Amino acid sequence: MRICLVGNYNIDQLIGPLDELPPWGAEYIAPTMTIRAGGAVGNTALALCALGVSPICIGNVGDDANGAMIRRELAAAGADVAGLVTTPDTTTGVGITLVRTDGERAFVTYLGHLSRFDSALLQQHDATIAKADIVLFAGCFLLPGLSLEALSSTLEGLPGALVQALA
């Protein structure tokens, strides 16, 4: 089964657990911090790989060490990263996740390369997306350069049953 994941691949930085957020001007010490490949579809890709499924990743990464880290971690897990385009002269986006002791989270995101994911990048992968059995579009709200028209056009090229399920 070919599963294609389209959307936001970025670095996730998780900090916590915290009992509460510090007020402006104050500093709290967090007991743990993790940096990893992530984003909505990046996390999905890693989860699928852990289940023995090798997803096809479609998206972009920045032209820096963090972009290389995303590509390296996903590939090492077993994902097909041929569809991850390196956006030249752009830093990789980072999502900072503050984790409360009860597991609730708050997010602050620097878009970086995600702001350069556009309709042209999506359309260059239309043939790959159309051949997939399952396509997941996620994190699109973090892709301000992706037009609704381009997303609709890509969806129109998918099998009818799948498009109807998404509608």
Foldseek 3Di string as FASTA:
>chain_A
DEEEEEEDWFKEKEFAADQDDDDPPDDDDTPDIDIAIDDPRLVVLLVVLVVVDAYEYAEEFEPDPRSVRSLVVSVVSRHHDPRYHYDYPWHTKYWYWHAYPVGDIDIDIDLICLQVTALVSVVVCLVVLQPGPHYDYPHVVSRVRYDPVSVVVSLVSHDPVRSVVVD
